[in-house]
Amino acid sequence: MTFFYFDILTENLFIVSFENNIHVNYYHVKVWRDKCKRTEVKGIKVNKKCLILALLFLILNMVIATQYAITKIGYEYYIVHPCNADIRYIGSDNSTDNIRVLRVISSNVTNVGVKLRLGGNFTTNQVKTYTAAFGIVNEEGHSLNITHINVSSSNHSYLKIWLHGNRAVNAKSNITDPSAVFMWNNNTLVNASNTTAWTLAAGNSNPDDMCYNVSDRANCSINTTWDEIAHVRYSINDTNATSNISDFVWVQVAVDIPDTADFLGLHTGTIWVHLEKETESN
């Protein structure tokens, strides 16, 4: 370890070197006040200005080096089946093969993703509606707002999507289900992203049930049992959900093919459900 000390009054530089706390070297550099402004170190002449610049560079690097630090902190989380997550999906309606519209992708062991099988083969001028294609359940300990839903696809989706509380009726009519909120119309966002379409009340971190009135879970809970064929949780209970009172909502999906389709063949895409938690005031 080496220490530098420069005496401004006498223009003397002292250099002391240590190894293992033992003093091994000492240099006394005297700056001569002559016209050349040179410095002599054990017989070697060095330009004074260069020496001062070198010292400043060394000090600057020492200062910069002290700005860095290393610390660490651990983290943890679990990856689970989509039907057991804090914001989870549940099935309800059956598709044309008599299996839930909501079902696991491929093997339940190797792939924990889920998808919607919205029927089989369609042609032009056909409409098929699943009033409870799937449900969304909140298990987090605070309420969540669903702001908007959009669909991404390389082709026309031909989908119409609603949020509503009554799984047994068509959300297209506000007379049969006044809670319905129209969210997506083919390739058009209906409910704006800066609004709240539905509020999911706070959950209880229990994927075995959902609740239509979270203020009385003991009497208002509904089982979400396991479907061994579709490998998802589901419910066919017709008790209505209410925004900001229930911790779940039903999603109605309609396949609406116009008189002219974009192409024949498989149509796929992704439905995006956007949720947010209100900012806390304290």
Protein backbone atom coordinates (compact mmCIF):
# COMPACT_ATOMS: atom_id res chain seq x y z
CA MET A 1 0.00 0.00 0.00
CA THR A 2 1.36 3.41 -0.94
CA PHE A 3 0.46 6.82 0.52
CA PHE A 4 1.10 10.19 -1.11
CA TYR A 5 1.41 13.47 0.78
CA PHE A 6 2.12 16.79 -0.93
CA ASP A 7 3.08 19.77 1.23
CA ILE A 8 1.81 22.85 -0.59
CA LEU A 9 3.78 25.33 1.55
CA THR A 10 7.18 23.70 1.05
CA GLU A 11 6.32 22.12 -2.30
CA ASN A 12 7.61 18.77 -1.02
CA LEU A 13 6.07 15.42 -1.94
CA PHE A 14 6.35 12.48 0.44
CA ILE A 15 5.74 8.92 -0.76
CA VAL A 16 5.55 6.11 1.80
CA SER A 17 5.11 2.45 0.83
CA PHE A 18 3.93 -0.37 3.14
CA GLU A 19 3.66 -4.14 2.73
CA ASN A 20 1.89 -6.22 5.40
CA ASN A 21 1.93 -3.16 7.71
CA ILE A 22 5.78 -2.98 7.47
CA HIS A 23 7.35 0.23 6.19
CA VAL A 24 9.56 -0.71 3.25
CA ASN A 25 10.16 2.45 1.22
CA TYR A 26 10.24 6.18 1.78
CA TYR A 27 10.74 8.79 -0.89
CA HIS A 28 11.22 12.48 -0.39
CA VAL A 29 10.62 14.44 -3.55
CA LYS A 30 11.71 18.05 -3.45
CA VAL A 31 10.30 20.55 -5.90
CA TRP A 32 12.96 23.05 -6.84
CA ARG A 33 11.99 26.68 -7.35
CA ASP A 34 13.88 27.26 -10.52
CA LYS A 35 12.93 28.46 -13.96
CA CYS A 36 12.45 24.97 -15.29
CA LYS A 37 9.92 24.11 -12.54
CA ARG A 38 11.22 20.56 -12.37
CA THR A 39 11.04 17.90 -9.68
CA GLU A 40 13.87 15.62 -8.61
CA VAL A 41 13.14 12.09 -7.43
CA LYS A 42 16.36 10.30 -6.42
CA GLY A 43 18.25 11.94 -9.24
CA ILE A 44 15.46 11.64 -11.87
CA LYS A 45 14.08 14.94 -13.12
CA VAL A 46 10.34 15.06 -13.76
CA ASN A 47 8.21 17.96 -14.97
CA LYS A 48 6.35 19.46 -12.01
CA LYS A 49 3.13 20.04 -13.93
CA CYS A 50 3.07 16.43 -15.12
CA LEU A 51 3.58 15.22 -11.57
CA ILE A 52 0.70 17.31 -10.26
CA LEU A 53 -1.58 16.11 -13.08
CA ALA A 54 -0.64 12.52 -12.34
CA LEU A 55 -1.45 13.01 -8.67
CA LEU A 56 -4.81 14.58 -9.51
CA PHE A 57 -5.60 11.67 -11.84
CA LEU A 58 -4.73 9.19 -9.11
CA ILE A 59 -6.86 11.01 -6.50
CA LEU A 60 -9.79 11.27 -8.93
CA ASN A 61 -9.70 7.55 -9.61
CA MET A 62 -9.60 6.84 -5.90
CA VAL A 63 -12.70 9.02 -5.39
CA ILE A 64 -14.60 7.38 -8.27
CA ALA A 65 -13.77 3.92 -6.94
CA THR A 66 -15.56 4.67 -3.69
CA GLN A 67 -18.88 5.24 -5.52
CA TYR A 68 -19.48 1.52 -6.16
CA ALA A 69 -20.97 -1.01 -3.77
CA ILE A 70 -22.43 -4.52 -3.88
CA THR A 71 -25.38 -5.76 -1.88
CA LYS A 72 -27.86 -8.59 -2.28
CA ILE A 73 -31.39 -9.65 -1.38
CA GLY A 74 -33.25 -12.88 -1.93
CA TYR A 75 -36.63 -13.37 -3.62
CA GLU A 76 -39.19 -16.11 -4.06
CA TYR A 77 -42.35 -16.97 -5.98
CA TYR A 78 -44.17 -20.05 -7.23
CA ILE A 79 -45.25 -21.03 -10.72
CA VAL A 80 -48.53 -22.94 -10.54
CA HIS A 81 -51.38 -24.12 -12.73
CA PRO A 82 -53.38 -21.16 -14.15
CA CYS A 83 -56.43 -22.35 -12.21
CA ASN A 84 -54.50 -22.03 -8.92
CA ALA A 85 -52.83 -18.66 -9.47
CA ASP A 86 -53.57 -15.47 -7.53
CA ILE A 87 -55.45 -14.22 -10.59
CA ARG A 88 -56.88 -17.42 -11.96
CA TYR A 89 -59.12 -18.82 -14.67
CA ILE A 90 -61.95 -21.29 -14.19
CA GLY A 91 -64.00 -23.17 -16.73
CA SER A 92 -67.77 -23.48 -17.07
CA ASP A 93 -69.37 -23.98 -20.52
CA ASN A 94 -68.62 -27.08 -22.59
CA SER A 95 -67.37 -26.92 -26.17
CA THR A 96 -68.69 -28.97 -29.11
CA ASP A 97 -66.74 -32.04 -27.93
CA ASN A 98 -68.52 -31.90 -24.55
CA ILE A 99 -65.31 -30.88 -22.75
CA ARG A 100 -64.86 -27.49 -21.10
CA VAL A 101 -64.19 -24.57 -23.42
CA LEU A 102 -61.34 -23.73 -21.04
CA ARG A 103 -58.87 -26.60 -20.98
CA VAL A 104 -55.23 -27.37 -20.48
CA ILE A 105 -52.86 -27.16 -23.44
CA SER A 106 -51.34 -30.54 -24.34
CA SER A 107 -50.25 -32.54 -21.28
CA ASN A 108 -51.18 -31.31 -17.83
CA VAL A 109 -47.82 -32.59 -16.60
CA THR A 110 -45.47 -30.94 -19.06
CA ASN A 111 -47.39 -27.78 -19.94
CA VAL A 112 -49.40 -25.71 -17.47
CA GLY A 113 -50.92 -23.35 -20.05
CA VAL A 114 -54.66 -23.21 -20.78
CA LYS A 115 -56.61 -22.30 -23.91
CA LEU A 116 -60.17 -21.79 -25.15
CA ARG A 117 -61.56 -24.26 -27.66
CA LEU A 118 -64.34 -22.20 -29.18
CA GLY A 119 -66.18 -24.95 -30.98
CA GLY A 120 -65.12 -26.94 -34.02
CA ASN A 121 -65.87 -25.98 -37.62
CA PHE A 122 -67.62 -22.73 -38.59
CA THR A 123 -68.65 -21.25 -41.90
CA THR A 124 -69.76 -17.78 -42.97
CA ASN A 125 -72.84 -16.16 -41.41
CA GLN A 126 -72.60 -18.27 -38.27
CA VAL A 127 -72.64 -17.11 -34.65
CA LYS A 128 -71.88 -19.23 -31.60
CA THR A 129 -72.00 -17.76 -28.11
CA TYR A 130 -70.54 -19.15 -24.88
CA THR A 131 -72.11 -17.14 -22.07
CA ALA A 132 -69.58 -18.54 -19.60
CA ALA A 133 -66.60 -19.43 -21.75
CA PHE A 134 -64.45 -18.93 -18.65
CA GLY A 135 -64.35 -17.06 -15.39
CA ILE A 136 -61.74 -14.82 -13.79
CA VAL A 137 -61.23 -15.13 -10.03
CA ASN A 138 -59.18 -12.83 -7.81
CA GLU A 139 -57.27 -14.49 -4.96
CA GLU A 140 -55.14 -11.49 -4.03
CA GLY A 141 -55.82 -9.73 -0.75
CA HIS A 142 -56.95 -6.52 -2.43
CA SER A 143 -59.43 -5.60 -5.13
CA LEU A 144 -58.46 -5.48 -8.81
CA ASN A 145 -59.93 -3.46 -11.65
CA ILE A 146 -60.35 -4.99 -15.10
CA THR A 147 -59.78 -2.07 -17.46
CA HIS A 148 -59.94 -3.56 -20.94
CA ILE A 149 -59.66 -6.71 -23.04
CA ASN A 150 -58.02 -6.99 -26.44
CA VAL A 151 -57.22 -9.79 -28.87
CA SER A 152 -53.98 -10.24 -30.79
CA SER A 153 -54.00 -12.42 -33.90
CA SER A 154 -52.38 -12.67 -37.31
CA ASN A 155 -55.88 -12.84 -38.80
CA HIS A 156 -59.37 -11.52 -38.05
CA SER A 157 -60.48 -12.82 -34.66
CA TYR A 158 -64.24 -12.66 -35.36
CA LEU A 159 -64.67 -12.57 -31.59
CA LYS A 160 -66.98 -10.51 -29.40
CA ILE A 161 -66.27 -10.46 -25.66
CA TRP A 162 -68.27 -9.31 -22.65
CA LEU A 163 -67.82 -9.28 -18.88
CA HIS A 164 -70.98 -10.03 -16.92
CA GLY A 165 -72.33 -11.46 -13.70
CA ASN A 166 -74.96 -13.96 -14.86
CA ARG A 167 -73.33 -16.96 -16.48
CA ALA A 168 -76.62 -18.40 -17.73
CA VAL A 169 -77.85 -15.51 -19.93
CA ASN A 170 -76.64 -13.74 -23.05
CA ALA A 171 -74.71 -10.61 -22.11
CA LYS A 172 -75.49 -9.09 -25.51
CA SER A 173 -78.79 -7.92 -24.07
CA ASN A 174 -78.61 -5.54 -21.13
CA ILE A 175 -82.24 -6.42 -20.42
CA THR A 176 -81.39 -10.02 -19.53
CA ASP A 177 -78.13 -9.06 -17.83
CA PRO A 178 -77.79 -5.37 -16.89
CA SER A 179 -74.33 -6.04 -15.43
CA ALA A 180 -72.86 -6.80 -18.88
CA VAL A 181 -69.94 -4.73 -20.19
CA PHE A 182 -69.05 -5.03 -23.88
CA MET A 183 -65.25 -5.28 -24.13
CA TRP A 184 -64.15 -6.37 -27.62
CA ASN A 185 -65.83 -6.29 -31.04
CA ASN A 186 -63.89 -8.30 -33.63
CA ASN A 187 -60.77 -6.13 -34.08
CA THR A 188 -62.03 -3.11 -32.12
CA LEU A 189 -61.47 -2.19 -28.47
CA VAL A 190 -64.86 -1.24 -27.01
CA ASN A 191 -64.19 -0.43 -23.36
CA ALA A 192 -61.41 2.16 -23.20
CA SER A 193 -58.16 1.27 -21.45
CA ASN A 194 -58.43 4.29 -19.10
CA THR A 195 -61.74 3.15 -17.60
CA THR A 196 -62.79 0.43 -15.16
CA ALA A 197 -65.08 -2.19 -16.66
CA TRP A 198 -65.34 -4.45 -13.61
CA THR A 199 -63.89 -4.57 -10.11
CA LEU A 200 -62.96 -7.93 -8.63
CA ALA A 201 -63.29 -7.78 -4.84
CA ALA A 202 -60.42 -8.97 -2.65
CA GLY A 203 -59.82 -12.71 -2.63
CA ASN A 204 -58.83 -15.15 0.09
CA SER A 205 -55.89 -17.03 -1.49
CA ASN A 206 -57.95 -20.22 -1.69
CA PRO A 207 -58.31 -21.73 -5.20
CA ASP A 208 -60.92 -24.19 -3.95
CA ASP A 209 -63.65 -21.55 -3.92
CA MET A 210 -64.87 -18.16 -5.08
CA CYS A 211 -67.31 -15.79 -3.39
CA TYR A 212 -70.26 -13.75 -4.65
CA ASN A 213 -70.23 -11.53 -1.53
CA VAL A 214 -66.82 -11.26 0.09
CA SER A 215 -68.26 -9.58 3.19
CA ASP A 216 -69.81 -12.95 4.12
CA ARG A 217 -67.53 -15.70 2.87
CA ALA A 218 -68.90 -18.25 5.31
CA ASN A 219 -72.30 -18.21 3.60
CA CYS A 220 -71.55 -16.88 0.10
CA SER A 221 -68.70 -19.08 -1.16
CA ILE A 222 -68.95 -21.35 -4.22
CA ASN A 223 -66.76 -24.39 -4.80
CA THR A 224 -64.46 -24.43 -7.83
CA THR A 225 -63.86 -28.14 -8.18
CA TRP A 226 -61.36 -29.92 -10.42
CA ASP A 227 -62.34 -31.27 -13.83
CA GLU A 228 -60.26 -34.40 -14.45
CA ILE A 229 -60.85 -34.32 -18.22
CA ALA A 230 -60.16 -30.67 -19.04
CA HIS A 231 -57.66 -30.44 -16.14
CA VAL A 232 -59.03 -27.10 -14.94
CA ARG A 233 -61.15 -25.87 -12.06
CA TYR A 234 -64.74 -25.04 -12.94
CA SER A 235 -68.12 -23.94 -11.65
CA ILE A 236 -71.66 -24.21 -13.02
CA ASN A 237 -73.23 -22.38 -10.10
CA ASP A 238 -75.72 -19.78 -11.35
CA THR A 239 -75.37 -17.34 -8.45
CA ASN A 240 -74.68 -13.95 -9.99
CA ALA A 241 -71.45 -12.02 -9.57
CA THR A 242 -71.52 -8.30 -8.78
CA SER A 243 -68.75 -5.82 -9.48
CA ASN A 244 -66.81 -4.78 -6.36
CA ILE A 245 -68.77 -7.28 -4.24
CA SER A 246 -67.79 -10.62 -5.77
CA ASP A 247 -64.22 -11.84 -6.30
CA PHE A 248 -65.09 -13.34 -9.71
CA VAL A 249 -66.65 -12.41 -13.06
CA TRP A 250 -67.82 -14.41 -16.08
CA VAL A 251 -66.46 -13.85 -19.57
CA GLN A 252 -68.81 -14.34 -22.50
CA VAL A 253 -67.18 -15.07 -25.86
CA ALA A 254 -69.06 -15.15 -29.16
CA VAL A 255 -67.64 -16.36 -32.48
CA ASP A 256 -69.36 -14.19 -35.11
CA ILE A 257 -68.37 -15.06 -38.70
CA PRO A 258 -69.52 -12.49 -41.32
CA ASP A 259 -70.77 -13.33 -44.82
CA THR A 260 -67.19 -13.05 -46.13
CA ALA A 261 -64.28 -14.54 -44.19
CA ASP A 262 -60.61 -13.66 -44.54
CA PHE A 263 -59.52 -17.25 -45.34
CA LEU A 264 -60.41 -20.89 -44.73
CA GLY A 265 -58.55 -22.84 -42.08
CA LEU A 266 -57.42 -22.63 -38.48
CA HIS A 267 -57.87 -19.28 -36.70
CA THR A 268 -55.90 -18.70 -33.49
CA GLY A 269 -54.99 -15.78 -31.30
CA THR A 270 -54.51 -14.53 -27.76
CA ILE A 271 -57.03 -12.80 -25.49
CA TRP A 272 -55.39 -10.22 -23.22
CA VAL A 273 -57.16 -9.28 -19.98
CA HIS A 274 -55.78 -6.09 -18.44
CA LEU A 275 -56.08 -5.57 -14.68
CA GLU A 276 -54.77 -2.96 -12.30
CA LYS A 277 -54.78 -2.27 -8.60
CA GLU A 278 -55.86 1.17 -7.46
CA THR A 279 -53.05 3.27 -5.99
CA GLU A 280 -53.15 3.30 -2.21
CA SER A 281 -53.56 6.65 -0.51
CA ASN A 282 -51.17 5.79 2.33
